């Protein structure tokens, strides 16, 4: 019985973490005025890269931090690696079509 309970809990944990995980690379679709106002979005796959929303309803363009820098989502800018830390991923309001 204990084994069944433990296995059930592990299965629930695995499923819930999969459902909550953001998909894709974080590229916004720039489909809302909020995205145009916020402008800069984290690239989920590369901390030295980010997305720029500059035109409504046009997918964001790719941008890259300078050498020795990484994009800090909470600050919406590149910072030196010494100041960078991992932050929880937050999906943009819209996503670019793949």
PDB file of N, CA and C in Angstrom:
ATOM      1  N   UNK A   1       0.824  -1.198   0.000  1.00  0.00           N
ATOM      2  CA  UNK A   1       0.000   0.000   0.000  1.00  0.00           C
ATOM      3  C   UNK A   1       0.869   1.263   0.000  1.00  0.00           C
ATOM      4  N   UNK A   2       1.949   1.246   0.823  1.00  0.00           N
ATOM      5  CA  UNK A   2       2.846   2.405   0.861  1.00  0.00           C
ATOM      6  C   UNK A   2       3.462   2.659  -0.508  1.00  0.00           C
ATOM      7  N   UNK A   3       3.849   1.582  -1.169  1.00  0.00           N
ATOM      8  CA  UNK A   3       4.463   1.715  -2.494  1.00  0.00           C
ATOM      9  C   UNK A   3       3.479   2.354  -3.476  1.00  0.00           C
ATOM     10  N   UNK A   4       2.223   1.954  -3.419  1.00  0.00           N
ATOM     11  CA  UNK A   4       1.203   2.527  -4.295  1.00  0.00           C
ATOM     12  C   UNK A   4       1.039   4.026  -4.041  1.00  0.00           C
ATOM     13  N   UNK A   5       0.994   4.434  -2.787  1.00  0.00           N
ATOM     14  CA  UNK A   5       0.835   5.846  -2.432  1.00  0.00           C
ATOM     15  C   UNK A   5       2.037   6.652  -2.919  1.00  0.00           C
ATOM     16  N   UNK A   6       3.232   6.147  -2.697  1.00  0.00           N
ATOM     17  CA  UNK A   6       4.449   6.842  -3.134  1.00  0.00           C
ATOM     18  C   UNK A   6       4.488   6.961  -4.650  1.00  0.00           C
ATOM     19  N   UNK A   7       4.175   5.882  -5.344  1.00  0.00           N
ATOM     20  CA  UNK A   7       4.173   5.924  -6.815  1.00  0.00           C
ATOM     21  C   UNK A   7       3.115   6.901  -7.324  1.00  0.00           C
ATOM     22  N   UNK A   8       1.957   6.920  -6.697  1.00  0.00           N
ATOM     23  CA  UNK A   8       0.896   7.845  -7.104  1.00  0.00           C
ATOM     24  C   UNK A   8       1.332   9.296  -6.923  1.00  0.00           C
ATOM     25  N   UNK A   9       1.953   9.594  -5.800  1.00  0.00           N
ATOM     26  CA  UNK A   9       2.429  10.951  -5.544  1.00  0.00           C
ATOM     27  C   UNK A   9       3.495  11.368  -6.547  1.00  0.00           C
ATOM     28  N   UNK A  10       4.402  10.462  -6.853  1.00  0.00           N
ATOM     29  CA  UNK A  10       5.443  10.764  -7.844  1.00  0.00           C
ATOM     30  C   UNK A  10       4.838  11.006  -9.224  1.00  0.00           C
ATOM     31  N   UNK A  11       3.838  10.224  -9.584  1.00  0.00           N
ATOM     32  CA  UNK A  11       3.180  10.402 -10.871  1.00  0.00           C
ATOM     33  C   UNK A  11       2.463  11.754 -10.934  1.00  0.00           C
ATOM     34  N   UNK A  12       1.759  12.114  -9.876  1.00  0.00           N
ATOM     35  CA  UNK A  12       1.073  13.407  -9.826  1.00  0.00           C
ATOM     36  C   UNK A  12       2.075  14.550  -9.928  1.00  0.00           C
ATOM     37  N   UNK A  13       3.177  14.449  -9.224  1.00  0.00           N
ATOM     38  CA  UNK A  13       4.218  15.480  -9.276  1.00  0.00           C
ATOM     39  C   UNK A  13       4.791  15.611 -10.684  1.00  0.00           C
ATOM     40  N   UNK A  14       5.068  14.490 -11.323  1.00  0.00           N
ATOM     41  CA  UNK A  14       5.633  14.517 -12.680  1.00  0.00           C
ATOM     42  C   UNK A  14       4.656  15.147 -13.670  1.00  0.00           C
ATOM     43  N   UNK A  15       3.397  14.800 -13.574  1.00  0.00           N
ATOM     44  CA  UNK A  15       2.390  15.348 -14.489  1.00  0.00           C
ATOM     45  C   UNK A  15       2.203  16.839 -14.257  1.00  0.00           C
ATOM     46  N   UNK A  16       2.119  17.258 -13.002  1.00  0.00           N
ATOM     47  CA  UNK A  16       1.892  18.680 -12.722  1.00  0.00           C
ATOM     48  C   UNK A  16       3.085  19.533 -13.146  1.00  0.00           C
ATOM     49  N   UNK A  17       4.297  19.041 -13.006  1.00  0.00           N
ATOM     50  CA  UNK A  17       5.458  19.828 -13.436  1.00  0.00           C
ATOM     51  C   UNK A  17       5.526  19.924 -14.950  1.00  0.00           C
ATOM     52  N   UNK A  18       5.063  18.909 -15.662  1.00  0.00           N
ATOM     53  CA  UNK A  18       5.041  18.938 -17.118  1.00  0.00           C
ATOM     54  C   UNK A  18       3.997  19.922 -17.620  1.00  0.00           C
ATOM     55  N   UNK A  19       2.846  19.951 -16.995  1.00  0.00           N
ATOM     56  CA  UNK A  19       1.775  20.849 -17.410  1.00  0.00           C
ATOM     57  C   UNK A  19       2.171  22.303 -17.174  1.00  0.00           C
ATOM     58  N   UNK A  20       2.844  22.587 -16.061  1.00  0.00           N
ATOM     59  CA  UNK A  20       3.188  23.954 -15.698  1.00  0.00           C
ATOM     60  C   UNK A  20       4.388  24.502 -16.472  1.00  0.00           C
ATOM     61  N   UNK A  21       5.169  23.634 -17.087  1.00  0.00           N
ATOM     62  CA  UNK A  21       6.385  24.082 -17.765  1.00  0.00           C
ATOM     63  C   UNK A  21       6.061  24.862 -19.031  1.00  0.00           C
ATOM     64  N   UNK A  22       6.663  26.053 -19.208  1.00  0.00           N
ATOM     65  CA  UNK A  22       6.446  26.814 -20.442  1.00  0.00           C
ATOM     66  C   UNK A  22       7.004  26.055 -21.640  1.00  0.00           C
ATOM     67  N   UNK A  23       6.387  26.224 -22.767  1.00  0.00           N
ATOM     68  CA  UNK A  23       6.838  25.543 -23.978  1.00  0.00           C
ATOM     69  C   UNK A  23       7.452  26.572 -24.930  1.00  0.00           C
ATOM     70  N   UNK A  24       8.339  26.107 -25.780  1.00  0.00           N
ATOM     71  CA  UNK A  24       8.955  26.983 -26.760  1.00  0.00           C
ATOM     72  C   UNK A  24      10.114  27.776 -26.174  1.00  0.00           C
ATOM     73  N   UNK A  25      10.553  28.745 -26.932  1.00  0.00           N
ATOM     74  CA  UNK A  25      11.723  29.534 -26.539  1.00  0.00           C
ATOM     75  C   UNK A  25      11.368  30.892 -25.932  1.00  0.00           C
ATOM     76  N   UNK A  26      10.074  31.155 -25.731  1.00  0.00           N
ATOM     77  CA  UNK A  26       9.658  32.395 -25.104  1.00  0.00           C
ATOM     78  C   UNK A  26       9.411  33.549 -26.059  1.00  0.00           C
ATOM     79  N   UNK A  27       9.498  33.289 -27.354  1.00  0.00           N
ATOM     80  CA  UNK A  27       9.307  34.367 -28.336  1.00  0.00           C
ATOM     81  C   UNK A  27       7.858  34.842 -28.316  1.00  0.00           C
ATOM     82  N   UNK A  28       7.626  36.097 -27.953  1.00  0.00           N
ATOM     83  CA  UNK A  28       6.256  36.608 -27.925  1.00  0.00           C
ATOM     84  C   UNK A  28       5.740  36.919 -29.325  1.00  0.00           C
ATOM     85  N   UNK A  29       4.429  36.879 -29.467  1.00  0.00           N
ATOM     86  CA  UNK A  29       3.806  37.212 -30.744  1.00  0.00           C
ATOM     87  C   UNK A  29       3.582  38.701 -30.910  1.00  0.00           C
ATOM     88  N   UNK A  30       3.819  39.471 -29.838  1.00  0.00           N
ATOM     89  CA  UNK A  30       3.629  40.923 -29.861  1.00  0.00           C
ATOM     90  C   UNK A  30       2.207  41.263 -30.314  1.00  0.00           C
ATOM     91  N   UNK A  31       1.234  40.512 -29.794  1.00  0.00           N
ATOM     92  CA  UNK A  31      -0.157  40.657 -30.201  1.00  0.00           C
ATOM     93  C   UNK A  31      -0.949  41.588 -29.295  1.00  0.00           C
ATOM     94  N   UNK A  32      -0.325  42.088 -28.234  1.00  0.00           N
ATOM     95  CA  UNK A  32      -1.034  42.968 -27.308  1.00  0.00           C
ATOM     96  C   UNK A  32      -0.242  44.264 -27.102  1.00  0.00           C
ATOM     97  N   UNK A  33      -0.959  45.316 -26.736  1.00  0.00           N
ATOM     98  CA  UNK A  33      -0.264  46.583 -26.465  1.00  0.00           C
ATOM     99  C   UNK A  33       0.647  46.447 -25.246  1.00  0.00           C
ATOM    100  N   UNK A  34       0.293  45.564 -24.322  1.00  0.00           N
ATOM    101  CA  UNK A  34       1.148  45.313 -23.152  1.00  0.00           C
ATOM    102  C   UNK A  34       2.525  44.803 -23.584  1.00  0.00           C
ATOM    103  N   UNK A  35       2.548  43.914 -24.571  1.00  0.00           N
ATOM    104  CA  UNK A  35       3.826  43.383 -25.042  1.00  0.00           C
ATOM    105  C   UNK A  35       4.668  44.463 -25.727  1.00  0.00           C
ATOM    106  N   UNK A  36       4.029  45.344 -26.440  1.00  0.00           N
ATOM    107  CA  UNK A  36       4.767  46.434 -27.086  1.00  0.00           C
ATOM    108  C   UNK A  36       5.317  47.374 -26.022  1.00  0.00           C
ATOM    109  N   UNK A  37       4.540  47.633 -24.986  1.00  0.00           N
ATOM    110  CA  UNK A  37       4.978  48.507 -23.898  1.00  0.00           C
ATOM    111  C   UNK A  37       6.123  47.866 -23.099  1.00  0.00           C
ATOM    112  N   UNK A  38       5.992  46.574 -22.787  1.00  0.00           N
ATOM    113  CA  UNK A  38       7.040  45.865 -22.031  1.00  0.00           C
ATOM    114  C   UNK A  38       8.300  45.719 -22.874  1.00  0.00           C
ATOM    115  N   UNK A  39       8.142  45.428 -24.139  1.00  0.00           N
ATOM    116  CA  UNK A  39       9.162  45.430 -25.183  1.00  0.00           C
ATOM    117  C   UNK A  39      10.163  44.269 -25.153  1.00  0.00           C
ATOM    118  N   UNK A  40      10.819  44.009 -24.024  1.00  0.00           N
ATOM    119  CA  UNK A  40      11.895  43.010 -23.967  1.00  0.00           C
ATOM    120  C   UNK A  40      11.439  41.761 -23.209  1.00  0.00           C
ATOM    121  N   UNK A  41      11.731  40.590 -23.785  1.00  0.00           N
ATOM    122  CA  UNK A  41      11.345  39.319 -23.193  1.00  0.00           C
ATOM    123  C   UNK A  41      12.500  38.327 -23.214  1.00  0.00           C
ATOM    124  N   UNK A  42      12.571  37.540 -22.191  1.00  0.00           N
ATOM    125  CA  UNK A  42      13.621  36.539 -22.027  1.00  0.00           C
ATOM    126  C   UNK A  42      13.524  35.435 -23.085  1.00  0.00           C
ATOM    127  N   UNK A  43      14.664  35.009 -23.585  1.00  0.00           N
ATOM    128  CA  UNK A  43      14.749  33.806 -24.410  1.00  0.00           C
ATOM    129  C   UNK A  43      14.908  32.642 -23.439  1.00  0.00           C
ATOM    130  N   UNK A  44      13.968  31.700 -23.457  1.00  0.00           N
ATOM    131  CA  UNK A  44      13.982  30.598 -22.483  1.00  0.00           C
ATOM    132  C   UNK A  44      15.177  29.675 -22.651  1.00  0.00           C
ATOM    133  N   UNK A  45      15.754  29.609 -23.840  1.00  0.00           N
ATOM    134  CA  UNK A  45      16.817  28.657 -24.117  1.00  0.00           C
ATOM    135  C   UNK A  45      18.214  29.234 -23.993  1.00  0.00           C
ATOM    136  N   UNK A  46      18.353  30.540 -24.016  1.00  0.00           N
ATOM    137  CA  UNK A  46      19.682  31.164 -24.034  1.00  0.00           C
ATOM    138  C   UNK A  46      19.681  32.425 -23.160  1.00  0.00           C
ATOM    139  N   UNK A  47      20.341  32.406 -22.027  1.00  0.00           N
ATOM    140  CA  UNK A  47      20.321  33.570 -21.144  1.00  0.00           C
ATOM    141  C   UNK A  47      21.061  34.790 -21.702  1.00  0.00           C
ATOM    142  N   UNK A  48      21.837  34.619 -22.753  1.00  0.00           N
ATOM    143  CA  UNK A  48      22.538  35.762 -23.350  1.00  0.00           C
ATOM    144  C   UNK A  48      21.722  36.394 -24.477  1.00  0.00           C
ATOM    145  N   UNK A  49      20.515  35.876 -24.712  1.00  0.00           N
ATOM    146  CA  UNK A  49      19.658  36.378 -25.784  1.00  0.00           C
ATOM    147  C   UNK A  49      18.302  36.786 -25.219  1.00  0.00           C
ATOM    148  N   UNK A  50      17.607  37.640 -25.968  1.00  0.00           N
ATOM    149  CA  UNK A  50      16.273  38.070 -25.563  1.00  0.00           C
ATOM    150  C   UNK A  50      15.481  38.447 -26.807  1.00  0.00           C
ATOM    151  N   UNK A  51      14.185  38.699 -26.628  1.00  0.00           N
ATOM    152  CA  UNK A  51      13.286  39.059 -27.718  1.00  0.00           C
ATOM    153  C   UNK A  51      12.859  40.511 -27.575  1.00  0.00           C
ATOM    154  N   UNK A  52      12.650  41.176 -28.701  1.00  0.00           N
ATOM    155  CA  UNK A  52      12.221  42.578 -28.703  1.00  0.00           C
ATOM    156  C   UNK A  52      10.911  42.698 -29.483  1.00  0.00           C
ATOM    157  N   UNK A  53       9.862  43.175 -28.805  1.00  0.00           N
ATOM    158  CA  UNK A  53       8.581  43.474 -29.452  1.00  0.00           C
ATOM    159  C   UNK A  53       8.612  44.939 -29.873  1.00  0.00           C
ATOM    160  N   UNK A  54       8.627  45.183 -31.168  1.00  0.00           N
ATOM    161  CA  UNK A  54       8.676  46.569 -31.616  1.00  0.00           C
ATOM    162  C   UNK A  54       7.478  46.952 -32.470  1.00  0.00           C
ATOM    163  N   UNK A  55       6.722  45.945 -32.970  1.00  0.00           N
ATOM    164  CA  UNK A  55       5.574  46.235 -33.813  1.00  0.00           C
ATOM    165  C   UNK A  55       4.418  45.325 -33.441  1.00  0.00           C
ATOM    166  N   UNK A  56       3.246  45.899 -33.288  1.00  0.00           N
ATOM    167  CA  UNK A  56       2.059  45.135 -32.927  1.00  0.00           C
ATOM    168  C   UNK A  56       1.736  44.089 -33.992  1.00  0.00           C
ATOM    169  N   UNK A  57       1.447  42.888 -33.543  1.00  0.00           N
ATOM    170  CA  UNK A  57       1.072  41.729 -34.376  1.00  0.00           C
ATOM    171  C   UNK A  57       2.182  41.240 -35.307  1.00  0.00           C
ATOM    172  N   UNK A  58       3.422  41.607 -35.013  1.00  0.00           N
ATOM    173  CA  UNK A  58       4.585  41.056 -35.738  1.00  0.00           C
ATOM    174  C   UNK A  58       5.446  40.346 -34.700  1.00  0.00           C
ATOM    175  N   UNK A  59       5.814  39.079 -34.931  1.00  0.00           N
ATOM    176  CA  UNK A  59       6.616  38.364 -33.939  1.00  0.00           C
ATOM    177  C   UNK A  59       7.883  39.130 -33.554  1.00  0.00           C
ATOM    178  N   UNK A  60       8.289  38.942 -32.336  1.00  0.00           N
ATOM    179  CA  UNK A  60       9.465  39.628 -31.802  1.00  0.00           C
ATOM    180  C   UNK A  60      10.725  39.252 -32.569  1.00  0.00           C
ATOM    181  N   UNK A  61      11.667  40.166 -32.596  1.00  0.00           N
ATOM    182  CA  UNK A  61      12.956  39.900 -33.226  1.00  0.00           C
ATOM    183  C   UNK A  61      13.970  39.493 -32.148  1.00  0.00           C
ATOM    184  N   UNK A  62      14.961  38.737 -32.566  1.00  0.00           N
ATOM    185  CA  UNK A  62      15.999  38.262 -31.652  1.00  0.00           C
ATOM    186  C   UNK A  62      17.046  39.337 -31.420  1.00  0.00           C
ATOM    187  N   UNK A  63      17.542  39.396 -30.200  1.00  0.00           N
ATOM    188  CA  UNK A  63      18.629  40.315 -29.852  1.00  0.00           C
ATOM    189  C   UNK A  63      19.573  39.571 -28.908  1.00  0.00           C
ATOM    190  N   UNK A  64      20.777  40.080 -28.779  1.00  0.00           N
ATOM    191  CA  UNK A  64      21.777  39.410 -27.946  1.00  0.00           C
ATOM    192  C   UNK A  64      22.467  40.433 -27.049  1.00  0.00           C
ATOM    193  N   UNK A  65      22.759  40.003 -25.824  1.00  0.00           N
ATOM    194  CA  UNK A  65      23.503  40.843 -24.885  1.00  0.00           C
ATOM    195  C   UNK A  65      24.950  40.976 -25.357  1.00  0.00           C
ATOM    196  N   UNK A  66      25.641  41.974 -24.846  1.00  0.00           N
ATOM    197  CA  UNK A  66      27.065  42.126 -25.134  1.00  0.00           C
ATOM    198  C   UNK A  66      27.833  40.990 -24.456  1.00  0.00           C
ATOM    199  N   UNK A  67      29.080  40.814 -24.864  1.00  0.00           N
ATOM    200  CA  UNK A  67      29.936  39.797 -24.235  1.00  0.00           C
ATOM    201  C   UNK A  67      29.956  39.996 -22.723  1.00  0.00           C
ATOM    202  N   UNK A  68      30.002  38.897 -22.007  1.00  0.00           N
ATOM    203  CA  UNK A  68      30.073  38.902 -20.537  1.00  0.00           C
ATOM    204  C   UNK A  68      28.789  39.387 -19.862  1.00  0.00           C
ATOM    205  N   UNK A  69      27.653  39.364 -20.601  1.00  0.00           N
ATOM    206  CA  UNK A  69      26.372  39.766 -20.027  1.00  0.00           C
ATOM    207  C   UNK A  69      25.304  38.719 -20.310  1.00  0.00           C
ATOM    208  N   UNK A  70      24.234  38.753 -19.499  1.00  0.00           N
ATOM    209  CA  UNK A  70      23.074  37.892 -19.677  1.00  0.00           C
ATOM    210  C   UNK A  70      21.819  38.720 -19.419  1.00  0.00           C
ATOM    211  N   UNK A  71      20.712  38.289 -20.013  1.00  0.00           N
ATOM    212  CA  UNK A  71      19.460  39.034 -19.881  1.00  0.00           C
ATOM    213  C   UNK A  71      18.779  38.690 -18.566  1.00  0.00           C
ATOM    214  N   UNK A  72      18.425  39.721 -17.810  1.00  0.00           N
ATOM    215  CA  UNK A  72      17.724  39.558 -16.531  1.00  0.00           C
ATOM    216  C   UNK A  72      16.274  39.962 -16.757  1.00  0.00           C
ATOM    217  N   UNK A  73      15.382  38.981 -16.710  1.00  0.00           N
ATOM    218  CA  UNK A  73      13.979  39.210 -17.027  1.00  0.00           C
ATOM    219  C   UNK A  73      13.328  40.238 -16.102  1.00  0.00           C
ATOM    220  N   UNK A  74      13.604  40.191 -14.820  1.00  0.00           N
ATOM    221  CA  UNK A  74      12.970  41.112 -13.873  1.00  0.00           C
ATOM    222  C   UNK A  74      13.374  42.571 -14.114  1.00  0.00           C
ATOM    223  N   UNK A  75      14.556  42.784 -14.668  1.00  0.00           N
ATOM    224  CA  UNK A  75      15.037  44.143 -14.955  1.00  0.00           C
ATOM    225  C   UNK A  75      14.789  44.547 -16.406  1.00  0.00           C
ATOM    226  N   UNK A  76      14.464  43.549 -17.258  1.00  0.00           N
ATOM    227  CA  UNK A  76      14.248  43.763 -18.685  1.00  0.00           C
ATOM    228  C   UNK A  76      15.469  44.366 -19.371  1.00  0.00           C
ATOM    229  N   UNK A  77      16.647  43.889 -18.951  1.00  0.00           N
ATOM    230  CA  UNK A  77      17.880  44.369 -19.583  1.00  0.00           C
ATOM    231  C   UNK A  77      19.006  43.369 -19.341  1.00  0.00           C
ATOM    232  N   UNK A  78      20.095  43.561 -20.061  1.00  0.00           N
ATOM    233  CA  UNK A  78      21.289  42.729 -19.885  1.00  0.00           C
ATOM    234  C   UNK A  78      22.088  43.246 -18.698  1.00  0.00           C
ATOM    235  N   UNK A  79      22.633  42.312 -17.944  1.00  0.00           N
ATOM    236  CA  UNK A  79      23.454  42.654 -16.780  1.00  0.00           C
ATOM    237  C   UNK A  79      24.736  41.825 -16.836  1.00  0.00           C
ATOM    238  N   UNK A  80      25.799  42.256 -16.148  1.00  0.00           N
ATOM    239  CA  UNK A  80      27.020  41.439 -16.093  1.00  0.00           C
ATOM    240  C   UNK A  80      26.710  40.072 -15.479  1.00  0.00           C
ATOM    241  N   UNK A  81      27.425  39.042 -15.937  1.00  0.00           N
ATOM    242  CA  UNK A  81      27.196  37.683 -15.431  1.00  0.00           C
ATOM    243  C   UNK A  81      27.258  37.634 -13.905  1.00  0.00           C
ATOM    244  N   UNK A  82      28.114  38.421 -13.281  1.00  0.00           N
ATOM    245  CA  UNK A  82      28.222  38.406 -11.816  1.00  0.00           C
ATOM    246  C   UNK A  82      26.936  38.856 -11.138  1.00  0.00           C
ATOM    247  N   UNK A  83      26.132  39.658 -11.813  1.00  0.00           N
ATOM    248  CA  UNK A  83      24.871  40.158 -11.252  1.00  0.00           C
ATOM    249  C   UNK A  83      23.666  39.311 -11.655  1.00  0.00           C
ATOM    250  N   UNK A  84      23.849  38.417 -12.624  1.00  0.00           N
ATOM    251  CA  UNK A  84      22.750  37.610 -13.143  1.00  0.00           C
ATOM    252  C   UNK A  84      22.464  36.442 -12.218  1.00  0.00           C
ATOM    253  N   UNK A  85      21.187  36.080 -12.079  1.00  0.00           N
ATOM    254  CA  UNK A  85      20.790  34.857 -11.383  1.00  0.00           C
ATOM    255  C   UNK A  85      19.545  34.287 -12.055  1.00  0.00           C
ATOM    256  N   UNK A  86      19.327  32.999 -11.823  1.00  0.00           N
ATOM    257  CA  UNK A  86      18.188  32.323 -12.427  1.00  0.00           C
ATOM    258  C   UNK A  86      16.891  32.865 -11.854  1.00  0.00           C
ATOM    259  N   UNK A  87      15.923  33.093 -12.728  1.00  0.00           N
ATOM    260  CA  UNK A  87      14.588  33.537 -12.315  1.00  0.00           C
ATOM    261  C   UNK A  87      13.548  32.578 -12.891  1.00  0.00           C
ATOM    262  N   UNK A  88      12.433  32.460 -12.230  1.00  0.00           N
ATOM    263  CA  UNK A  88      11.359  31.613 -12.709  1.00  0.00           C
ATOM    264  C   UNK A  88      10.879  32.107 -14.074  1.00  0.00           C
ATOM    265  N   UNK A  89      10.687  31.176 -14.978  1.00  0.00           N
ATOM    266  CA  UNK A  89      10.248  31.515 -16.333  1.00  0.00           C
ATOM    267  C   UNK A  89       8.783  31.926 -16.307  1.00  0.00           C
ATOM    268  N   UNK A  90       8.494  33.052 -16.954  1.00  0.00           N
ATOM    269  CA  UNK A  90       7.121  33.532 -17.112  1.00  0.00           C
ATOM    270  C   UNK A  90       6.853  33.710 -18.600  1.00  0.00           C
ATOM    271  N   UNK A  91       5.834  33.041 -19.093  1.00  0.00           N
ATOM    272  CA  UNK A  91       5.506  33.142 -20.507  1.00  0.00           C
ATOM    273  C   UNK A  91       4.937  34.525 -20.838  1.00  0.00           C
ATOM    274  N   UNK A  92       5.235  35.038 -22.036  1.00  0.00           N
ATOM    275  CA  UNK A  92       4.658  36.320 -22.451  1.00  0.00           C
ATOM    276  C   UNK A  92       3.150  36.150 -22.698  1.00  0.00           C
ATOM    277  N   UNK A  93       2.402  37.260 -22.759  1.00  0.00           N
ATOM    278  CA  UNK A  93       0.955  37.169 -22.975  1.00  0.00           C
ATOM    279  C   UNK A  93       0.559  36.420 -24.260  1.00  0.00           C
ATOM    280  N   UNK A  94       1.338  36.541 -25.320  1.00  0.00           N
ATOM    281  CA  UNK A  94       1.058  35.794 -26.546  1.00  0.00           C
ATOM    282  C   UNK A  94       2.341  35.118 -27.009  1.00  0.00           C
ATOM    283  N   UNK A  95       2.187  34.111 -27.852  1.00  0.00           N
ATOM    284  CA  UNK A  95       3.349  33.393 -28.374  1.00  0.00           C
ATOM    285  C   UNK A  95       3.392  33.521 -29.892  1.00  0.00           C
ATOM    286  N   UNK A  96       4.599  33.542 -30.431  1.00  0.00           N
ATOM    287  CA  UNK A  96       4.769  33.574 -31.886  1.00  0.00           C
ATOM    288  C   UNK A  96       4.419  32.214 -32.453  1.00  0.00           C
ATOM    289  N   UNK A  97       3.768  32.196 -33.601  1.00  0.00           N
ATOM    290  CA  UNK A  97       3.440  30.934 -34.260  1.00  0.00           C
ATOM    291  C   UNK A  97       4.725  30.278 -34.738  1.00  0.00           C
ATOM    292  N   UNK A  98       4.795  28.974 -34.618  1.00  0.00           N
ATOM    293  CA  UNK A  98       6.011  28.249 -35.021  1.00  0.00           C
ATOM    294  C   UNK A  98       5.969  27.889 -36.473  1.00  0.00           C
TER     295      UNK A  98
END
